[in-house]
Protein backbone atom coordinates (compact mmCIF):
# COMPACT_ATOMS: atom_id res chain seq x y z
CA MET A 1 -42.52 11.06 -12.30
CA ILE A 2 -38.73 10.85 -13.08
CA PRO A 3 -38.12 12.07 -16.68
CA THR A 4 -36.24 9.71 -19.05
CA THR A 5 -33.10 11.28 -20.55
CA LYS A 6 -31.86 10.63 -24.10
CA ALA A 7 -28.34 10.95 -22.73
CA MET A 8 -28.62 7.58 -21.07
CA LYS A 9 -28.14 5.75 -24.45
CA ARG A 10 -24.95 3.75 -24.82
CA ASP A 11 -24.30 0.98 -27.34
CA CYS A 12 -21.01 -1.06 -27.12
CA GLN A 13 -19.93 -3.70 -29.62
CA TYR A 14 -18.37 -7.00 -28.61
CA PHE A 15 -15.81 -9.01 -30.55
CA THR A 16 -13.54 -11.97 -29.87
CA LEU A 17 -10.06 -12.20 -31.49
CA PRO A 18 -8.79 -15.55 -33.00
CA ASN A 19 -6.75 -16.20 -29.89
CA GLY A 20 -9.79 -15.82 -27.50
CA LEU A 21 -9.14 -12.30 -26.46
CA ARG A 22 -12.38 -10.45 -25.82
CA VAL A 23 -12.80 -6.94 -27.13
CA VAL A 24 -15.40 -4.27 -26.13
CA ALA A 25 -15.56 -0.95 -28.17
CA LEU A 26 -17.62 2.04 -27.87
CA HIS A 27 -17.64 4.09 -31.20
CA ARG A 28 -17.79 7.86 -30.53
CA PRO A 29 -17.89 9.74 -33.97
CA GLY A 30 -16.14 12.99 -33.90
CA ALA A 31 -14.37 12.37 -30.63
CA VAL A 32 -11.06 14.18 -30.44
CA ALA A 33 -9.51 11.66 -28.02
CA GLY A 34 -9.65 7.92 -27.47
CA HIS A 35 -8.93 5.44 -24.63
CA CYS A 36 -7.49 2.01 -25.26
CA GLY A 37 -6.19 -0.60 -22.83
CA VAL A 38 -6.57 -3.99 -21.22
CA ILE A 39 -8.33 -4.92 -17.99
CA VAL A 40 -6.90 -8.10 -16.37
CA ASN A 41 -8.84 -10.36 -14.01
CA ALA A 42 -5.99 -10.42 -11.47
CA GLY A 43 -5.41 -8.35 -8.42
CA SER A 44 -3.99 -8.45 -4.89
CA ARG A 45 -6.47 -11.22 -3.73
CA ASP A 46 -4.74 -13.61 -6.26
CA GLU A 47 -1.36 -13.19 -4.62
CA ASP A 48 0.26 -15.91 -2.43
CA ASP A 49 1.51 -15.22 1.06
CA SER A 50 5.15 -14.71 0.05
CA HIS A 51 4.42 -12.28 -2.81
CA PHE A 52 2.03 -9.61 -1.34
CA GLY A 53 2.10 -6.55 -3.55
CA LEU A 54 3.07 -8.51 -6.63
CA ALA A 55 0.02 -7.50 -8.81
CA HIS A 56 0.65 -3.77 -8.02
CA PHE A 57 4.44 -4.17 -8.55
CA VAL A 58 3.89 -5.73 -11.96
CA GLU A 59 1.44 -2.76 -12.84
CA HIS A 60 4.53 -0.42 -11.97
CA THR A 61 7.21 -2.35 -13.63
CA ILE A 62 5.44 -3.46 -16.84
CA PHE A 63 6.49 -0.14 -18.32
CA LYS A 64 10.17 -0.75 -17.48
CA GLY A 65 11.11 -2.59 -20.72
CA THR A 66 10.05 -5.23 -23.29
CA SER A 67 11.82 -7.31 -25.72
CA HIS A 68 11.31 -4.49 -28.34
CA ARG A 69 11.43 -1.29 -26.32
CA ARG A 70 13.34 0.16 -23.38
CA ALA A 71 11.71 2.09 -20.55
CA TRP A 72 12.45 5.37 -22.13
CA HIS A 73 10.82 4.54 -25.49
CA ILE A 74 7.81 3.14 -23.76
CA LEU A 75 7.21 6.32 -21.76
CA ASN A 76 7.65 8.48 -24.93
CA ARG A 77 5.70 6.37 -27.32
CA MET A 78 2.40 8.06 -26.49
CA GLU A 79 3.62 11.27 -24.89
CA THR A 80 5.31 12.38 -28.13
CA VAL A 81 1.73 12.74 -29.66
CA GLY A 82 0.35 14.26 -26.51
CA GLY A 83 -1.05 11.05 -25.03
CA GLU A 84 -0.42 9.52 -21.66
CA LEU A 85 0.02 6.04 -20.10
CA ASN A 86 -1.98 4.99 -17.05
CA ALA A 87 -2.35 1.83 -14.84
CA TYR A 88 -3.95 0.89 -11.60
CA THR A 89 -4.54 -2.17 -9.50
CA THR A 90 -7.46 -3.27 -7.32
CA LYS A 91 -8.30 -6.40 -5.17
CA GLU A 92 -9.36 -8.11 -8.38
CA GLU A 93 -8.23 -6.22 -11.46
CA THR A 94 -5.19 -4.69 -13.11
CA VAL A 95 -5.74 -2.03 -15.74
CA VAL A 96 -3.22 -0.74 -18.19
CA TYR A 97 -4.29 1.88 -20.65
CA THR A 98 -3.66 4.97 -22.54
CA THR A 99 -5.47 8.10 -23.54
CA PHE A 100 -4.40 9.81 -26.84
CA PRO A 101 -5.47 12.18 -29.54
CA SER A 102 -7.65 10.74 -32.28
CA GLY A 103 -5.66 9.18 -35.18
CA ASN A 104 -3.29 7.27 -32.88
CA LEU A 105 -5.18 4.07 -32.39
CA SER A 106 -2.50 1.83 -34.10
CA ARG A 107 0.24 3.38 -31.99
CA ALA A 108 -1.81 2.82 -28.87
CA VAL A 109 -2.77 -0.85 -29.47
CA ASP A 110 0.69 -1.79 -30.67
CA LEU A 111 2.25 -0.28 -27.43
CA ILE A 112 -0.32 -1.97 -25.05
CA ALA A 113 0.06 -5.32 -26.75
CA ASP A 114 3.86 -5.09 -26.41
CA LEU A 115 3.59 -4.35 -22.63
CA VAL A 116 1.34 -7.36 -21.94
CA CYS A 117 2.99 -9.86 -24.33
CA SER A 118 6.68 -8.91 -24.01
CA SER A 119 7.68 -7.23 -20.83
CA ILE A 120 11.00 -8.47 -19.51
CA PHE A 121 11.20 -6.74 -16.12
CA PRO A 122 14.94 -5.88 -16.06
CA SER A 123 16.57 -6.22 -12.49
CA ARG A 124 18.09 -2.89 -12.61
CA GLU A 125 14.77 -1.20 -13.39
CA LEU A 126 13.06 -3.23 -10.74
CA ASN A 127 15.51 -2.16 -8.09
CA LYS A 128 14.71 1.49 -8.70
CA GLU A 129 11.10 0.92 -8.78
CA ARG A 130 11.15 -1.07 -5.64
CA GLU A 131 12.19 2.21 -3.83
CA VAL A 132 9.40 4.12 -5.54
CA VAL A 133 6.76 1.62 -4.28
CA ALA A 134 8.31 1.60 -0.76
CA ASP A 135 7.96 5.41 -0.68
CA GLU A 136 4.30 4.98 -1.82
CA ILE A 137 3.79 2.49 1.02
CA ASP A 138 5.28 5.00 3.65
CA THR A 139 3.24 7.95 2.19
CA TYR A 140 0.06 5.74 2.46
CA LEU A 141 0.78 4.85 6.08
CA ASP A 142 1.33 8.50 7.00
CA ILE A 143 -2.22 9.36 5.96
CA PRO A 144 -4.60 7.87 8.56
CA SER A 145 -7.72 8.81 6.43
CA GLU A 146 -6.43 6.39 3.65
CA GLY A 147 -4.55 3.77 5.69
CA ILE A 148 -7.67 3.07 7.72
CA TYR A 149 -9.23 1.29 4.82
CA ASP A 150 -6.46 -1.28 4.79
CA ASP A 151 -6.72 -1.66 8.54
CA PHE A 152 -10.41 -2.27 8.24
CA ASP A 153 -9.90 -4.79 5.51
CA GLU A 154 -7.42 -6.77 7.81
CA LEU A 155 -10.35 -7.11 10.36
CA ILE A 156 -13.41 -7.70 8.19
CA PHE A 157 -11.60 -10.01 5.76
CA ALA A 158 -9.33 -11.67 8.29
CA GLY A 159 -8.08 -15.05 7.25
CA SER A 160 -8.80 -14.51 3.48
CA GLU A 161 -6.87 -13.15 0.48
CA LEU A 162 -8.77 -9.91 0.64
CA ALA A 163 -7.25 -8.91 3.97
CA HIS A 164 -3.76 -7.64 2.89
CA SER A 165 -2.92 -4.34 1.37
CA ILE A 166 -2.80 -3.97 -2.45
CA LEU A 167 0.63 -2.30 -2.11
CA GLY A 168 2.17 -5.05 0.00
CA THR A 169 4.89 -4.30 2.59
CA ARG A 170 8.49 -3.22 2.56
CA GLN A 171 9.42 -6.88 3.56
CA SER A 172 7.40 -8.47 0.65
CA LEU A 173 8.88 -6.05 -1.93
CA VAL A 174 12.31 -7.69 -1.52
CA ARG A 175 10.91 -10.85 -2.82
CA LEU A 176 9.32 -9.44 -6.03
CA ASP A 177 12.13 -10.12 -8.59
CA SER A 178 12.10 -10.45 -12.38
CA ALA A 179 11.11 -14.09 -12.25
CA ALA A 180 8.09 -13.50 -9.95
CA CYS A 181 6.88 -10.73 -12.28
CA ARG A 182 7.25 -12.64 -15.39
CA CYS A 183 5.47 -15.64 -13.85
CA TRP A 184 2.65 -13.38 -12.88
CA LEU A 185 2.38 -12.00 -16.38
CA ASP A 186 2.40 -15.54 -17.85
CA ARG A 187 -0.25 -16.85 -15.53
CA TYR A 188 -2.74 -14.04 -15.50
CA TYR A 189 -2.19 -11.74 -18.57
CA THR A 190 -3.81 -14.30 -20.98
CA PRO A 191 -6.73 -14.07 -23.31
CA SER A 192 -9.23 -15.76 -21.06
CA ARG A 193 -8.60 -13.47 -18.22
CA MET A 194 -8.30 -10.19 -20.23
CA VAL A 195 -10.63 -7.82 -22.02
CA LEU A 196 -9.17 -5.17 -24.65
CA PHE A 197 -11.21 -1.98 -24.54
CA TYR A 198 -11.44 1.01 -26.84
CA SER A 199 -13.60 4.20 -26.87
CA GLY A 200 -13.07 6.64 -29.64
CA SER A 201 -13.66 7.76 -33.23
CA ASP A 202 -11.94 4.96 -35.06
CA SER A 203 -14.03 2.27 -36.74
CA TYR A 204 -14.57 -1.21 -35.41
CA SER A 205 -12.92 -2.79 -38.53
CA HIS A 206 -9.76 -0.71 -38.02
CA LEU A 207 -9.52 -1.58 -34.34
CA LEU A 208 -9.91 -5.33 -35.03
CA GLN A 209 -7.34 -5.12 -37.81
CA VAL A 210 -4.63 -3.61 -35.66
CA ALA A 211 -5.60 -5.53 -32.50
CA GLY A 212 -5.60 -8.94 -34.18
CA LYS A 213 -2.04 -8.50 -35.44
CA ALA A 214 -0.68 -6.73 -32.27
CA PHE A 215 -2.10 -9.39 -29.80
CA ALA A 216 -1.37 -12.52 -31.82
CA PRO A 217 1.67 -13.52 -29.66
CA LEU A 218 -0.50 -13.39 -26.44
CA ARG A 219 -0.17 -16.83 -24.80
CA SER A 220 -2.75 -18.85 -23.09
CA ALA A 221 -2.25 -20.07 -19.48
CA SER A 222 -1.78 -23.75 -18.79
CA GLU A 223 -3.42 -23.62 -15.40
CA SER A 224 -6.61 -22.08 -14.00
CA HIS A 225 -7.07 -20.12 -10.81
CA SER A 226 -10.21 -19.85 -8.64
CA ARG A 227 -10.93 -17.58 -5.71
CA ILE A 228 -12.36 -18.58 -2.33
CA ARG A 229 -15.17 -16.44 -0.93
CA PRO A 230 -14.10 -15.06 2.39
CA THR A 231 -15.95 -16.19 5.60
CA THR A 232 -18.35 -13.78 7.20
CA LEU A 233 -16.90 -12.85 10.55
CA PRO A 234 -18.61 -11.46 13.78
CA LEU A 235 -19.04 -7.74 14.27
CA PHE A 236 -16.29 -5.84 15.89
CA GLU A 237 -15.56 -2.39 17.40
CA GLN A 238 -11.84 -1.55 17.70
CA GLU A 239 -9.78 1.54 18.41
CA ILE A 240 -6.12 1.90 17.60
CA ASN A 241 -4.02 4.62 19.11
CA LYS A 242 -1.41 6.00 16.59
CA GLY A 243 -1.24 9.50 18.18
CA THR A 244 -3.19 11.46 15.48
CA HIS A 245 -4.60 14.88 16.28
CA GLN A 246 -7.84 13.86 14.70
CA ALA A 247 -9.88 10.64 15.22
CA HIS A 248 -10.53 8.68 12.03
CA THR A 249 -13.45 6.26 11.98
CA LEU A 250 -14.52 3.72 9.34
CA MET A 251 -17.74 1.77 9.82
CA GLY A 252 -18.58 -0.83 7.42
CA ALA A 253 -20.26 -4.17 6.58
CA ARG A 254 -19.95 -7.06 4.13
CA THR A 255 -22.56 -6.79 1.34
CA VAL A 256 -23.51 -8.02 -2.09
CA SER A 257 -21.27 -8.86 -5.03
CA ILE A 258 -20.92 -6.97 -8.38
CA MET A 259 -23.20 -9.57 -9.91
CA ALA A 260 -26.14 -9.32 -7.38
CA GLU A 261 -29.50 -7.89 -8.37
CA GLU A 262 -29.41 -5.89 -5.08
CA ARG A 263 -26.43 -3.80 -6.20
CA PHE A 264 -28.77 -1.15 -7.69
CA ALA A 265 -30.61 -0.75 -4.39
CA LEU A 266 -27.32 -0.70 -2.55
CA SER A 267 -25.98 1.91 -4.94
CA LEU A 268 -28.88 4.20 -4.45
CA LEU A 269 -28.85 3.78 -0.64
CA THR A 270 -25.12 4.69 -0.57
CA ASN A 271 -25.78 7.77 -2.52
CA ILE A 272 -28.67 8.68 -0.10
CA VAL A 273 -26.58 8.08 2.94
CA GLY A 274 -23.34 9.69 1.95
CA GLY A 275 -23.09 10.36 -1.64
CA PRO A 276 -21.26 13.44 -3.17
CA GLY A 277 -24.23 15.56 -2.62
CA MET A 278 -24.29 18.10 0.21
CA ASN A 279 -27.81 16.92 0.95
CA SER A 280 -26.73 13.34 1.90
CA LEU A 281 -28.31 12.29 5.07
CA LEU A 282 -24.98 11.97 7.03
CA ASN A 283 -23.48 15.07 5.62
CA VAL A 284 -26.68 17.09 6.89
CA ALA A 285 -26.85 15.26 10.22
CA LEU A 286 -23.13 15.41 11.16
CA ARG A 287 -21.67 18.43 9.36
CA GLU A 288 -24.38 20.88 8.31
CA LYS A 289 -26.51 20.67 11.51
CA ARG A 290 -23.92 20.03 14.19
CA GLY A 291 -20.51 20.86 12.74
CA LEU A 292 -19.05 17.62 14.02
CA VAL A 293 -17.03 16.67 10.98
CA TYR A 294 -15.34 18.23 8.10
CA THR A 295 -16.03 15.30 5.70
CA ILE A 296 -18.16 12.19 5.79
CA ASP A 297 -18.89 9.92 2.87
CA ALA A 298 -20.28 6.33 2.18
CA SER A 299 -18.96 4.09 -0.55
CA THR A 300 -19.11 0.61 -1.84
CA SER A 301 -16.38 -1.67 -3.26
CA LEU A 302 -18.17 -4.66 -5.07
CA MET A 303 -16.27 -7.68 -6.09
CA THR A 304 -17.12 -10.94 -7.96
CA ASP A 305 -18.23 -12.80 -4.79
CA CYS A 306 -18.83 -10.29 -2.12
CA GLY A 307 -18.70 -6.56 -1.44
CA LEU A 308 -17.94 -3.98 1.22
CA PHE A 309 -20.07 -0.93 2.31
CA THR A 310 -18.24 1.71 4.29
CA ILE A 311 -18.79 5.09 5.96
CA TYR A 312 -15.80 7.17 6.72
CA PHE A 313 -15.61 10.31 8.84
CA GLY A 314 -12.89 12.35 10.76
CA CYS A 315 -13.67 14.35 13.86
CA ASP A 316 -12.39 15.64 17.23
CA PRO A 317 -11.66 12.59 19.37
CA ASP A 318 -14.16 13.84 21.96
CA ASP A 319 -16.95 13.64 19.33
CA THR A 320 -16.35 10.18 18.13
CA LYS A 321 -19.09 8.47 20.20
CA LYS A 322 -21.63 11.11 19.28
CA CYS A 323 -20.73 10.70 15.52
CA VAL A 324 -21.01 6.91 15.68
CA ARG A 325 -24.41 7.21 17.44
CA LEU A 326 -25.74 9.52 14.68
CA VAL A 327 -24.58 7.15 12.13
CA ASN A 328 -26.18 4.28 13.66
CA GLU A 329 -29.49 6.17 14.16
CA THR A 330 -29.48 7.16 10.56
CA MET A 331 -28.95 3.64 9.41
CA HIS A 332 -31.58 2.29 11.80
CA ARG A 333 -34.24 4.67 10.44
CA LEU A 334 -33.59 3.60 6.85
CA ALA A 335 -33.69 -0.03 7.99
CA SER A 336 -36.92 0.29 9.91
CA SER A 337 -39.07 2.80 7.91
CA PRO A 338 -39.30 2.67 4.20
CA LEU A 339 -38.85 6.01 2.35
CA THR A 340 -42.00 7.82 1.27
CA SER A 341 -42.56 7.77 -2.49
CA ARG A 342 -41.86 11.39 -2.71
CA ARG A 343 -38.39 11.09 -1.01
CA LEU A 344 -37.67 8.01 -3.07
CA ASP A 345 -38.43 9.78 -6.37
CA ALA A 346 -36.30 12.71 -5.33
CA ALA A 347 -33.31 10.38 -4.44
CA LYS A 348 -33.62 8.64 -7.80
CA ARG A 349 -33.75 11.81 -9.70
CA GLN A 350 -30.61 13.08 -8.02
CA TYR A 351 -28.83 9.79 -8.56
CA LEU A 352 -29.75 9.50 -12.15
CA GLY A 353 -28.61 13.05 -12.75
CA GLN A 354 -25.26 12.36 -11.28
CA ILE A 355 -24.96 9.31 -13.50
CA THR A 356 -25.80 11.52 -16.58
CA VAL A 357 -23.16 13.99 -15.57
CA GLY A 358 -20.57 11.31 -14.97
CA SER A 359 -21.23 9.86 -18.45
CA THR A 360 -19.60 12.92 -19.96
CA ASN A 361 -16.25 11.62 -18.55
CA SER A 362 -15.29 9.40 -21.52
CA GLU A 363 -12.30 7.92 -19.71
CA GLN A 364 -14.32 6.66 -16.73
CA GLU A 365 -16.99 5.47 -18.99
CA ALA A 366 -14.49 3.34 -20.93
CA LEU A 367 -13.02 1.84 -17.62
CA SER A 368 -16.53 1.07 -16.46
CA ILE A 369 -17.42 -0.68 -19.63
CA ALA A 370 -14.30 -2.72 -19.54
CA ARG A 371 -14.84 -3.95 -15.94
CA ALA A 372 -18.45 -4.84 -16.73
CA THR A 373 -17.36 -6.86 -19.75
CA LEU A 374 -14.53 -8.53 -17.89
CA HIS A 375 -16.89 -9.90 -15.17
CA SER A 376 -20.33 -10.02 -16.70
CA GLY A 377 -19.75 -10.50 -20.35
CA ARG A 378 -21.12 -7.20 -21.35
CA ALA A 379 -21.95 -3.62 -20.00
CA LEU A 380 -25.35 -2.62 -19.33
CA THR A 381 -26.57 0.22 -21.58
CA ARG A 382 -27.42 3.52 -19.88
CA ASN A 383 -31.09 2.89 -20.49
CA GLU A 384 -30.83 -0.44 -18.68
CA VAL A 385 -29.02 1.15 -15.80
CA GLU A 386 -31.67 3.91 -15.61
CA ASP A 387 -34.49 1.27 -15.73
CA ALA A 388 -32.81 -0.60 -12.89
CA ILE A 389 -32.47 2.42 -10.65
CA ARG A 390 -36.16 3.45 -11.35
CA SER A 391 -37.23 -0.04 -10.39
CA VAL A 392 -35.86 0.08 -6.88
CA THR A 393 -38.56 0.03 -4.39
CA ALA A 394 -38.75 1.53 -0.93
CA GLU A 395 -38.98 -1.87 0.59
CA GLN A 396 -35.73 -2.98 -1.25
CA LEU A 397 -33.96 -0.02 0.10
CA ARG A 398 -35.12 -0.65 3.60
CA ALA A 399 -34.22 -4.38 3.30
CA ILE A 400 -30.58 -3.63 2.06
CA ALA A 401 -30.23 -1.07 4.92
CA GLU A 402 -31.34 -3.78 7.42
CA GLN A 403 -28.62 -6.07 6.09
CA LEU A 404 -25.94 -3.57 6.73
CA GLN A 405 -24.79 -4.39 10.32
CA LEU A 406 -21.93 -2.14 10.87
CA SER A 407 -18.51 -2.92 12.38
CA ARG A 408 -16.32 0.00 13.46
CA LEU A 409 -12.61 0.83 13.56
CA THR A 410 -11.36 4.19 14.97
CA ILE A 411 -7.88 5.47 14.79
CA ILE A 412 -6.78 8.16 17.24
């Protein structure tokens, strides 16, 4: 039996402001720090062909000035009290948030609202930031173990909006001006496409009071936007010669969406195959037993209408075929023979333990709650997550493994 842990309890509260902006809040009495921000249902897959990288560029330049504050005042607003501003962009979301010492919620909400409601994207600041992002693109391209994920996306999502890099290109950056940034903000940073999230010690009533006033100017969009599910393409095996001293390989397959019931079986399977534990199947088979790789891991990226399962490893070029064979053999065994009840229970115990340890990271917990609320309307409680993992059967694991027919890209 897998013991139930009281630590898996989590209760969020949900509200809607008068303008339609959804709010999710997690009250943590006695917390010494809080997290507050917005998650926006807009990412790189929502860009048109002439503005690749726009979602990420807006994320960078939203801090460069509003109708009320200059860039310097924005940066110092939270730092003067010991807090920090953060942001990131994915294929489907943009997140802007701040972490701060308790007692500064009003300051945090006021700043976040100012950024999403009143950013002006000054041309002079955009010119400086364009170089920063260009350097980020160059740095990313210089690291094959990271760049290979973009190369793989271009193949497995070819012909769809998911195929291009979140960062864009040096060529597309030139077209990202103040007008394009402001248009993006007006179209997507709207109540119907956003969630305000908070985790900390302040009361719900205080949060709603300050948020209602600060976000009152938020405008609704006049047009809607829908996404097209990418077509499933044939399997592929490709090699790209970039003259690297080590071979980098990414094997992957299209899989289920963030909404699918099978996501729990997929998450458990991913942890078994190549999770952070040293006892993951691929780490044991390729590194511990044979010393073929320095690192190997499996991961998933689940979106609203599809997902991607990937396995990455770096090895000596001469060992690539052997490593690929071992990966395929491992996946074949999982797809053809259900785990014994003993192995399944052990895998669940390990994964639930990792979730419990991860729940101590209040920042990541707040971000997870925000994403779940954005796409599903609410976040599962920890008890619900635990029950879902416990309910995964050996046959469900086998079936999801069978569905993962792996394509391969190797960069040497």
